Amino acid sequence: MASDVVTLLPFTEGDAALLERWLSAPHVAQWYREPQEHLDWALSPPVEGERALIAASGVSVGYLRWQVVSREILDSVGLEEIPANSVDIDILIGESSYVERGIRPQALQLLIERLREDASHPLLGLTTSVHNHAAQRAYRKAGFRDLREYDPPGYGRCLLMVMSLSND
């Protein structure tokens, strides 16, 4: 619904149970294999990583995480054309009644505004299953474009979507 006011809230250890519940929800679990790995990341993000809860009109409904990606990681998954210091983003709407209400694009726009403040990030990227058409629509609505398909280890065929942050 257009009436949802979307905000990003700090993620704390106290939010772990909520994230764990979302990761096990059928509409999320089909796309987020290895839920414990995602939960561990949320509780102890890497130095260049950050996370937030997504709230819609004050209700926590989703999770957003992002990290600066090293050249080594990019090369290890076959993304040699992606510049170092790009930012990888993961997003989920955990509350099923809030799926397809336009919250993902709004949350992504809030993150994009935040990341634009650091001119060292040339590109933002999202990876989603080629079968996750709802996510693809949301990412396109937020301004991401399809770059190419690829096969990251353990995830099957995926679509890499990107957004340039440079003024070129």
N, C-alpha and C. Protein backbone atom coordinates (compact mmCIF):
# COMPACT_ATOMS: atom_id res chain seq x y z
N MET A 1 0.83 -1.18 0.00
CA MET A 1 0.00 0.00 0.00
C MET A 1 0.87 1.24 0.00
N ALA A 2 0.44 2.23 -0.72
CA ALA A 2 1.20 3.46 -0.81
C ALA A 2 1.24 4.20 0.52
N SER A 3 0.35 3.86 1.44
CA SER A 3 0.29 4.56 2.71
C SER A 3 1.36 4.12 3.71
N ASP A 4 2.08 3.03 3.42
CA ASP A 4 3.14 2.59 4.32
C ASP A 4 4.29 3.58 4.30
N VAL A 5 4.66 4.10 5.49
CA VAL A 5 5.83 4.96 5.62
C VAL A 5 6.99 4.04 5.98
N VAL A 6 7.97 3.95 5.09
CA VAL A 6 9.08 3.02 5.27
C VAL A 6 10.27 3.73 5.87
N THR A 7 10.86 3.10 6.89
CA THR A 7 12.06 3.62 7.53
C THR A 7 13.03 2.47 7.76
N LEU A 8 14.29 2.81 7.97
CA LEU A 8 15.30 1.83 8.33
C LEU A 8 15.67 2.06 9.79
N LEU A 9 15.64 0.97 10.55
CA LEU A 9 15.94 1.04 11.98
C LEU A 9 17.21 0.25 12.27
N PRO A 10 17.97 0.63 13.29
CA PRO A 10 19.16 -0.14 13.64
C PRO A 10 18.79 -1.58 14.00
N PHE A 11 19.59 -2.53 13.55
CA PHE A 11 19.43 -3.93 13.91
C PHE A 11 20.25 -4.17 15.16
N THR A 12 19.64 -4.81 16.17
CA THR A 12 20.35 -5.13 17.41
C THR A 12 20.28 -6.63 17.66
N GLU A 13 21.08 -7.10 18.59
CA GLU A 13 21.05 -8.52 18.95
C GLU A 13 19.64 -8.96 19.35
N GLY A 14 18.89 -8.06 19.93
CA GLY A 14 17.52 -8.38 20.33
C GLY A 14 16.59 -8.68 19.16
N ASP A 15 17.02 -8.34 17.96
CA ASP A 15 16.22 -8.59 16.76
C ASP A 15 16.51 -9.95 16.14
N ALA A 16 17.45 -10.69 16.72
CA ALA A 16 17.86 -11.97 16.13
C ALA A 16 16.72 -12.98 16.03
N ALA A 17 15.88 -13.06 17.06
CA ALA A 17 14.77 -14.02 17.03
C ALA A 17 13.79 -13.68 15.92
N LEU A 18 13.55 -12.41 15.71
CA LEU A 18 12.66 -11.96 14.64
C LEU A 18 13.24 -12.35 13.28
N LEU A 19 14.52 -12.07 13.07
CA LEU A 19 15.17 -12.43 11.81
C LEU A 19 15.15 -13.95 11.61
N GLU A 20 15.40 -14.69 12.68
CA GLU A 20 15.37 -16.15 12.58
C GLU A 20 13.98 -16.64 12.14
N ARG A 21 12.94 -16.04 12.69
CA ARG A 21 11.57 -16.41 12.30
C ARG A 21 11.33 -16.11 10.83
N TRP A 22 11.78 -14.92 10.40
CA TRP A 22 11.60 -14.55 8.99
C TRP A 22 12.34 -15.49 8.06
N LEU A 23 13.57 -15.84 8.42
CA LEU A 23 14.38 -16.71 7.55
C LEU A 23 13.76 -18.10 7.41
N SER A 24 12.96 -18.51 8.39
CA SER A 24 12.32 -19.83 8.30
C SER A 24 10.92 -19.77 7.68
N ALA A 25 10.39 -18.58 7.44
CA ALA A 25 9.08 -18.44 6.80
C ALA A 25 9.16 -18.97 5.37
N PRO A 26 8.17 -19.73 4.93
CA PRO A 26 8.24 -20.35 3.60
C PRO A 26 8.52 -19.37 2.45
N HIS A 27 7.92 -18.18 2.48
CA HIS A 27 8.13 -17.22 1.38
C HIS A 27 9.55 -16.65 1.37
N VAL A 28 10.27 -16.76 2.46
CA VAL A 28 11.67 -16.30 2.54
C VAL A 28 12.63 -17.48 2.37
N ALA A 29 12.34 -18.58 3.05
CA ALA A 29 13.24 -19.74 3.07
C ALA A 29 13.53 -20.29 1.68
N GLN A 30 12.58 -20.16 0.76
CA GLN A 30 12.82 -20.67 -0.59
C GLN A 30 13.95 -19.92 -1.29
N TRP A 31 14.24 -18.71 -0.86
CA TRP A 31 15.30 -17.90 -1.49
C TRP A 31 16.54 -17.77 -0.62
N TYR A 32 16.39 -17.97 0.69
CA TYR A 32 17.50 -17.80 1.62
C TYR A 32 17.89 -19.14 2.22
N ARG A 33 18.69 -19.86 1.47
CA ARG A 33 19.22 -21.12 2.00
C ARG A 33 20.25 -20.79 3.07
N GLU A 34 20.56 -21.73 3.90
CA GLU A 34 21.54 -21.52 4.98
C GLU A 34 21.11 -20.38 5.92
N PRO A 35 19.94 -20.50 6.55
CA PRO A 35 19.48 -19.42 7.43
C PRO A 35 20.44 -19.10 8.56
N GLN A 36 21.12 -20.11 9.10
CA GLN A 36 22.05 -19.86 10.20
C GLN A 36 23.20 -18.96 9.76
N GLU A 37 23.65 -19.13 8.54
CA GLU A 37 24.72 -18.27 8.00
C GLU A 37 24.27 -16.81 7.95
N HIS A 38 23.03 -16.57 7.54
CA HIS A 38 22.51 -15.20 7.49
C HIS A 38 22.32 -14.62 8.89
N LEU A 39 21.88 -15.46 9.81
CA LEU A 39 21.71 -15.01 11.19
C LEU A 39 23.06 -14.68 11.82
N ASP A 40 24.05 -15.55 11.60
CA ASP A 40 25.40 -15.30 12.13
C ASP A 40 25.96 -13.98 11.58
N TRP A 41 25.75 -13.75 10.28
CA TRP A 41 26.23 -12.51 9.64
C TRP A 41 25.58 -11.31 10.33
N ALA A 42 24.26 -11.39 10.57
CA ALA A 42 23.54 -10.28 11.19
C ALA A 42 24.05 -9.98 12.59
N LEU A 43 24.40 -11.03 13.32
CA LEU A 43 24.87 -10.84 14.69
C LEU A 43 26.33 -10.38 14.76
N SER A 44 27.09 -10.66 13.71
CA SER A 44 28.49 -10.28 13.68
C SER A 44 28.90 -9.95 12.25
N PRO A 45 28.46 -8.79 11.75
CA PRO A 45 28.76 -8.44 10.37
C PRO A 45 30.26 -8.19 10.16
N PRO A 46 30.72 -8.38 8.92
CA PRO A 46 32.13 -8.08 8.64
C PRO A 46 32.39 -6.59 8.82
N VAL A 47 33.66 -6.23 8.86
CA VAL A 47 34.06 -4.84 9.09
C VAL A 47 33.37 -3.89 8.11
N GLU A 48 33.27 -4.27 6.87
CA GLU A 48 32.67 -3.40 5.84
C GLU A 48 31.19 -3.71 5.63
N GLY A 49 30.53 -4.34 6.61
CA GLY A 49 29.13 -4.71 6.48
C GLY A 49 28.25 -3.99 7.48
N GLU A 50 27.00 -3.84 7.11
CA GLU A 50 26.03 -3.18 7.99
C GLU A 50 24.66 -3.79 7.72
N ARG A 51 23.73 -3.58 8.67
CA ARG A 51 22.40 -4.12 8.52
C ARG A 51 21.39 -3.22 9.21
N ALA A 52 20.11 -3.43 8.82
CA ALA A 52 19.03 -2.63 9.39
C ALA A 52 17.74 -3.43 9.31
N LEU A 53 16.82 -3.08 10.18
CA LEU A 53 15.45 -3.57 10.05
C LEU A 53 14.70 -2.62 9.14
N ILE A 54 13.76 -3.15 8.41
CA ILE A 54 12.88 -2.34 7.58
C ILE A 54 11.56 -2.23 8.34
N ALA A 55 11.12 -1.01 8.56
CA ALA A 55 9.84 -0.79 9.25
C ALA A 55 8.86 -0.15 8.27
N ALA A 56 7.61 -0.59 8.35
CA ALA A 56 6.53 0.01 7.57
C ALA A 56 5.53 0.57 8.57
N SER A 57 5.42 1.89 8.56
CA SER A 57 4.54 2.58 9.51
C SER A 57 4.80 2.12 10.95
N GLY A 58 6.08 1.96 11.28
CA GLY A 58 6.51 1.64 12.63
C GLY A 58 6.56 0.16 12.96
N VAL A 59 6.11 -0.71 12.06
CA VAL A 59 6.11 -2.15 12.29
C VAL A 59 7.32 -2.76 11.59
N SER A 60 8.14 -3.52 12.32
CA SER A 60 9.29 -4.19 11.70
C SER A 60 8.78 -5.29 10.78
N VAL A 61 9.13 -5.18 9.49
CA VAL A 61 8.59 -6.11 8.49
C VAL A 61 9.67 -6.79 7.66
N GLY A 62 10.92 -6.32 7.76
CA GLY A 62 11.95 -6.89 6.91
C GLY A 62 13.35 -6.56 7.39
N TYR A 63 14.29 -7.02 6.60
CA TYR A 63 15.71 -6.95 6.95
C TYR A 63 16.50 -6.57 5.71
N LEU A 64 17.51 -5.75 5.92
CA LEU A 64 18.36 -5.26 4.84
C LEU A 64 19.80 -5.34 5.33
N ARG A 65 20.68 -5.89 4.48
CA ARG A 65 22.10 -5.90 4.84
C ARG A 65 22.90 -5.51 3.61
N TRP A 66 24.07 -4.94 3.86
CA TRP A 66 24.93 -4.53 2.76
C TRP A 66 26.38 -4.59 3.21
N GLN A 67 27.26 -4.77 2.22
CA GLN A 67 28.68 -4.80 2.53
C GLN A 67 29.49 -4.42 1.31
N VAL A 68 30.62 -3.80 1.57
CA VAL A 68 31.58 -3.51 0.52
C VAL A 68 32.23 -4.84 0.14
N VAL A 69 32.35 -5.09 -1.16
CA VAL A 69 32.85 -6.39 -1.63
C VAL A 69 34.28 -6.25 -2.15
N SER A 70 35.12 -7.17 -1.70
CA SER A 70 36.53 -7.14 -2.10
C SER A 70 36.71 -7.70 -3.51
N ARG A 71 37.81 -7.37 -4.10
CA ARG A 71 38.17 -7.89 -5.42
C ARG A 71 38.23 -9.41 -5.38
N GLU A 72 38.78 -9.96 -4.30
CA GLU A 72 38.92 -11.41 -4.19
C GLU A 72 37.57 -12.12 -4.19
N ILE A 73 36.62 -11.58 -3.45
CA ILE A 73 35.29 -12.20 -3.41
C ILE A 73 34.61 -12.09 -4.77
N LEU A 74 34.69 -10.94 -5.39
CA LEU A 74 34.08 -10.77 -6.71
C LEU A 74 34.65 -11.77 -7.70
N ASP A 75 35.97 -11.89 -7.71
CA ASP A 75 36.62 -12.82 -8.65
C ASP A 75 36.24 -14.27 -8.34
N SER A 76 36.09 -14.59 -7.04
CA SER A 76 35.80 -15.98 -6.66
C SER A 76 34.43 -16.45 -7.13
N VAL A 77 33.50 -15.51 -7.36
CA VAL A 77 32.17 -15.90 -7.86
C VAL A 77 31.98 -15.53 -9.34
N GLY A 78 33.09 -15.20 -10.01
CA GLY A 78 33.04 -14.96 -11.44
C GLY A 78 32.52 -13.60 -11.85
N LEU A 79 32.66 -12.59 -10.98
CA LEU A 79 32.18 -11.25 -11.30
C LEU A 79 33.35 -10.29 -11.51
N GLU A 80 34.22 -10.68 -12.42
CA GLU A 80 35.43 -9.90 -12.67
C GLU A 80 35.14 -8.49 -13.18
N GLU A 81 34.00 -8.29 -13.83
CA GLU A 81 33.69 -6.96 -14.39
C GLU A 81 33.14 -5.98 -13.36
N ILE A 82 32.84 -6.44 -12.16
CA ILE A 82 32.32 -5.56 -11.11
C ILE A 82 33.50 -4.89 -10.42
N PRO A 83 33.49 -3.55 -10.33
CA PRO A 83 34.62 -2.87 -9.70
C PRO A 83 34.71 -3.14 -8.20
N ALA A 84 35.93 -3.22 -7.72
CA ALA A 84 36.16 -3.35 -6.28
C ALA A 84 35.52 -2.16 -5.58
N ASN A 85 35.21 -2.33 -4.32
CA ASN A 85 34.58 -1.31 -3.48
C ASN A 85 33.10 -1.11 -3.82
N SER A 86 32.56 -2.00 -4.65
CA SER A 86 31.12 -1.98 -4.90
C SER A 86 30.42 -2.52 -3.66
N VAL A 87 29.13 -2.28 -3.57
CA VAL A 87 28.36 -2.70 -2.41
C VAL A 87 27.35 -3.76 -2.82
N ASP A 88 27.38 -4.89 -2.10
CA ASP A 88 26.44 -5.98 -2.30
C ASP A 88 25.31 -5.80 -1.29
N ILE A 89 24.07 -5.95 -1.75
CA ILE A 89 22.89 -5.73 -0.91
C ILE A 89 22.03 -6.99 -0.89
N ASP A 90 21.52 -7.32 0.28
CA ASP A 90 20.51 -8.37 0.44
C ASP A 90 19.32 -7.76 1.16
N ILE A 91 18.12 -8.14 0.74
CA ILE A 91 16.92 -7.58 1.35
C ILE A 91 15.84 -8.65 1.39
N LEU A 92 15.06 -8.63 2.46
CA LEU A 92 13.92 -9.54 2.54
C LEU A 92 12.79 -8.86 3.29
N ILE A 93 11.60 -9.19 2.89
CA ILE A 93 10.40 -8.80 3.63
C ILE A 93 9.94 -10.06 4.35
N GLY A 94 10.06 -10.05 5.66
CA GLY A 94 9.78 -11.25 6.45
C GLY A 94 8.32 -11.44 6.79
N GLU A 95 7.59 -10.37 6.92
CA GLU A 95 6.16 -10.46 7.24
C GLU A 95 5.39 -10.63 5.93
N SER A 96 4.81 -11.81 5.74
CA SER A 96 4.19 -12.14 4.45
C SER A 96 3.08 -11.17 4.06
N SER A 97 2.38 -10.60 5.03
CA SER A 97 1.30 -9.66 4.69
C SER A 97 1.83 -8.33 4.14
N TYR A 98 3.14 -8.13 4.19
CA TYR A 98 3.74 -6.90 3.67
C TYR A 98 4.46 -7.12 2.34
N VAL A 99 4.44 -8.34 1.84
CA VAL A 99 5.09 -8.63 0.56
C VAL A 99 4.27 -7.99 -0.57
N GLU A 100 4.97 -7.47 -1.55
CA GLU A 100 4.38 -6.84 -2.74
C GLU A 100 3.50 -5.64 -2.39
N ARG A 101 3.95 -4.87 -1.39
CA ARG A 101 3.26 -3.62 -1.04
C ARG A 101 4.14 -2.41 -1.35
N GLY A 102 5.24 -2.65 -2.09
CA GLY A 102 6.12 -1.55 -2.47
C GLY A 102 7.14 -1.17 -1.41
N ILE A 103 7.30 -2.01 -0.41
CA ILE A 103 8.20 -1.69 0.70
C ILE A 103 9.66 -1.89 0.29
N ARG A 104 9.96 -2.96 -0.45
CA ARG A 104 11.35 -3.21 -0.86
C ARG A 104 11.93 -2.04 -1.65
N PRO A 105 11.25 -1.55 -2.69
CA PRO A 105 11.83 -0.41 -3.42
C PRO A 105 12.04 0.81 -2.54
N GLN A 106 11.10 1.07 -1.63
CA GLN A 106 11.24 2.23 -0.74
C GLN A 106 12.44 2.06 0.19
N ALA A 107 12.59 0.85 0.75
CA ALA A 107 13.73 0.59 1.64
C ALA A 107 15.04 0.71 0.87
N LEU A 108 15.07 0.20 -0.35
CA LEU A 108 16.28 0.31 -1.16
C LEU A 108 16.60 1.76 -1.46
N GLN A 109 15.60 2.59 -1.74
CA GLN A 109 15.85 4.00 -2.00
C GLN A 109 16.46 4.69 -0.78
N LEU A 110 16.00 4.34 0.41
CA LEU A 110 16.60 4.91 1.63
C LEU A 110 18.07 4.50 1.75
N LEU A 111 18.37 3.24 1.46
CA LEU A 111 19.76 2.78 1.52
C LEU A 111 20.59 3.46 0.44
N ILE A 112 20.07 3.57 -0.75
CA ILE A 112 20.79 4.23 -1.86
C ILE A 112 21.16 5.66 -1.47
N GLU A 113 20.22 6.38 -0.88
CA GLU A 113 20.51 7.76 -0.43
C GLU A 113 21.66 7.76 0.56
N ARG A 114 21.67 6.82 1.47
CA ARG A 114 22.74 6.72 2.46
C ARG A 114 24.08 6.41 1.80
N LEU A 115 24.08 5.46 0.86
CA LEU A 115 25.32 5.03 0.23
C LEU A 115 25.87 6.08 -0.74
N ARG A 116 25.02 6.91 -1.31
CA ARG A 116 25.49 7.98 -2.20
C ARG A 116 26.38 8.98 -1.47
N GLU A 117 26.27 9.03 -0.16
CA GLU A 117 27.09 9.96 0.63
C GLU A 117 28.56 9.58 0.60
N ASP A 118 28.88 8.35 0.25
CA ASP A 118 30.27 7.88 0.16
C ASP A 118 30.63 7.70 -1.31
N ALA A 119 31.38 8.64 -1.85
CA ALA A 119 31.70 8.63 -3.28
C ALA A 119 32.63 7.50 -3.69
N SER A 120 33.14 6.72 -2.73
CA SER A 120 34.07 5.65 -3.07
C SER A 120 33.37 4.39 -3.59
N HIS A 121 32.04 4.35 -3.52
CA HIS A 121 31.30 3.17 -3.98
C HIS A 121 30.84 3.38 -5.43
N PRO A 122 31.47 2.69 -6.39
CA PRO A 122 31.10 2.91 -7.79
C PRO A 122 29.79 2.24 -8.21
N LEU A 123 29.41 1.16 -7.52
CA LEU A 123 28.29 0.34 -8.00
C LEU A 123 27.60 -0.33 -6.82
N LEU A 124 26.29 -0.47 -6.94
CA LEU A 124 25.52 -1.27 -6.00
C LEU A 124 25.03 -2.49 -6.75
N GLY A 125 25.00 -3.63 -6.07
CA GLY A 125 24.54 -4.84 -6.73
C GLY A 125 23.64 -5.68 -5.85
N LEU A 126 22.71 -6.36 -6.49
CA LEU A 126 21.80 -7.30 -5.84
C LEU A 126 21.81 -8.57 -6.67
N THR A 127 21.79 -9.70 -6.02
CA THR A 127 21.69 -10.97 -6.71
C THR A 127 20.40 -11.65 -6.28
N THR A 128 19.64 -12.14 -7.23
CA THR A 128 18.41 -12.86 -6.92
C THR A 128 18.26 -14.04 -7.86
N SER A 129 17.53 -15.02 -7.42
CA SER A 129 17.25 -16.18 -8.27
C SER A 129 16.58 -15.72 -9.56
N VAL A 130 16.90 -16.37 -10.65
CA VAL A 130 16.23 -16.04 -11.91
C VAL A 130 14.74 -16.33 -11.82
N HIS A 131 14.32 -17.09 -10.83
CA HIS A 131 12.92 -17.44 -10.66
C HIS A 131 12.17 -16.51 -9.71
N ASN A 132 12.88 -15.59 -9.04
CA ASN A 132 12.26 -14.69 -8.09
C ASN A 132 11.83 -13.39 -8.79
N HIS A 133 10.73 -13.50 -9.52
CA HIS A 133 10.27 -12.38 -10.35
C HIS A 133 9.76 -11.20 -9.52
N ALA A 134 9.19 -11.48 -8.36
CA ALA A 134 8.72 -10.38 -7.50
C ALA A 134 9.89 -9.52 -7.04
N ALA A 135 10.99 -10.16 -6.64
CA ALA A 135 12.18 -9.40 -6.23
C ALA A 135 12.73 -8.60 -7.40
N GLN A 136 12.79 -9.21 -8.57
CA GLN A 136 13.31 -8.51 -9.74
C GLN A 136 12.49 -7.26 -10.04
N ARG A 137 11.16 -7.37 -9.95
CA ARG A 137 10.29 -6.20 -10.18
C ARG A 137 10.59 -5.10 -9.17
N ALA A 138 10.74 -5.49 -7.91
CA ALA A 138 11.01 -4.51 -6.85
C ALA A 138 12.35 -3.81 -7.08
N TYR A 139 13.36 -4.57 -7.47
CA TYR A 139 14.68 -3.99 -7.67
C TYR A 139 14.69 -3.05 -8.88
N ARG A 140 13.98 -3.44 -9.93
CA ARG A 140 13.89 -2.55 -11.10
C ARG A 140 13.16 -1.26 -10.72
N LYS A 141 12.12 -1.39 -9.92
CA LYS A 141 11.37 -0.22 -9.48
C LYS A 141 12.26 0.73 -8.68
N ALA A 142 13.22 0.17 -7.95
CA ALA A 142 14.15 0.99 -7.16
C ALA A 142 15.27 1.58 -8.02
N GLY A 143 15.34 1.20 -9.30
CA GLY A 143 16.34 1.78 -10.19
C GLY A 143 17.48 0.86 -10.61
N PHE A 144 17.43 -0.40 -10.18
CA PHE A 144 18.47 -1.35 -10.58
C PHE A 144 18.17 -1.88 -11.98
N ARG A 145 19.23 -2.25 -12.68
CA ARG A 145 19.06 -2.81 -14.03
C ARG A 145 19.70 -4.19 -14.06
N ASP A 146 19.19 -5.03 -14.95
CA ASP A 146 19.75 -6.36 -15.13
C ASP A 146 21.13 -6.24 -15.76
N LEU A 147 22.12 -6.93 -15.19
CA LEU A 147 23.45 -6.96 -15.80
C LEU A 147 23.66 -8.28 -16.51
N ARG A 148 23.55 -9.39 -15.75
CA ARG A 148 23.70 -10.69 -16.38
C ARG A 148 23.34 -11.80 -15.41
N GLU A 149 23.16 -12.98 -15.96
CA GLU A 149 22.94 -14.17 -15.14
C GLU A 149 24.29 -14.79 -14.82
N TYR A 150 24.35 -15.48 -13.69
CA TYR A 150 25.55 -16.21 -13.30
C TYR A 150 25.18 -17.28 -12.28
N ASP A 151 26.14 -18.10 -11.89
CA ASP A 151 25.88 -19.23 -10.99
C ASP A 151 26.77 -19.17 -9.76
N PRO A 152 26.40 -18.37 -8.74
CA PRO A 152 27.20 -18.35 -7.52
C PRO A 152 27.10 -19.70 -6.81
N PRO A 153 28.17 -20.15 -6.20
CA PRO A 153 28.15 -21.47 -5.54
C PRO A 153 27.00 -21.62 -4.54
N GLY A 154 26.21 -22.68 -4.71
CA GLY A 154 25.15 -23.01 -3.78
C GLY A 154 23.83 -22.32 -3.97
N TYR A 155 23.71 -21.43 -4.96
CA TYR A 155 22.47 -20.67 -5.11
C TYR A 155 21.71 -20.94 -6.41
N GLY A 156 22.27 -21.72 -7.30
CA GLY A 156 21.59 -21.94 -8.58
C GLY A 156 21.73 -20.73 -9.49
N ARG A 157 20.99 -20.75 -10.57
CA ARG A 157 21.07 -19.66 -11.56
C ARG A 157 20.50 -18.38 -10.96
N CYS A 158 21.30 -17.31 -11.02
CA CYS A 158 20.91 -16.03 -10.43
C CYS A 158 21.03 -14.90 -11.45
N LEU A 159 20.33 -13.83 -11.17
CA LEU A 159 20.40 -12.62 -11.95
C LEU A 159 21.10 -11.56 -11.12
N LEU A 160 22.15 -10.97 -11.68
CA LEU A 160 22.85 -9.86 -11.03
C LEU A 160 22.25 -8.57 -11.55
N MET A 161 21.78 -7.75 -10.62
CA MET A 161 21.20 -6.45 -10.94
C MET A 161 22.06 -5.38 -10.31
N VAL A 162 22.30 -4.28 -11.03
CA VAL A 162 23.22 -3.26 -10.56
C VAL A 162 22.66 -1.86 -10.71
N MET A 163 23.29 -0.94 -9.99
CA MET A 163 23.00 0.48 -10.10
C MET A 163 24.32 1.21 -9.94
N SER A 164 24.63 2.07 -10.88
CA SER A 164 25.85 2.86 -10.80
C SER A 164 25.63 4.04 -9.85
N LEU A 165 26.63 4.30 -9.02
CA LEU A 165 26.58 5.48 -8.15
C LEU A 165 27.46 6.61 -8.65
N SER A 166 28.20 6.33 -9.73
CA SER A 166 29.07 7.38 -10.28
C SER A 166 28.22 8.35 -11.10
N ASN A 167 28.75 9.52 -11.28
CA ASN A 167 28.04 10.55 -12.05
C ASN A 167 28.40 10.53 -13.52
N ASP A 168 29.03 9.43 -13.97
CA ASP A 168 29.42 9.34 -15.37
C ASP A 168 28.23 9.21 -16.28
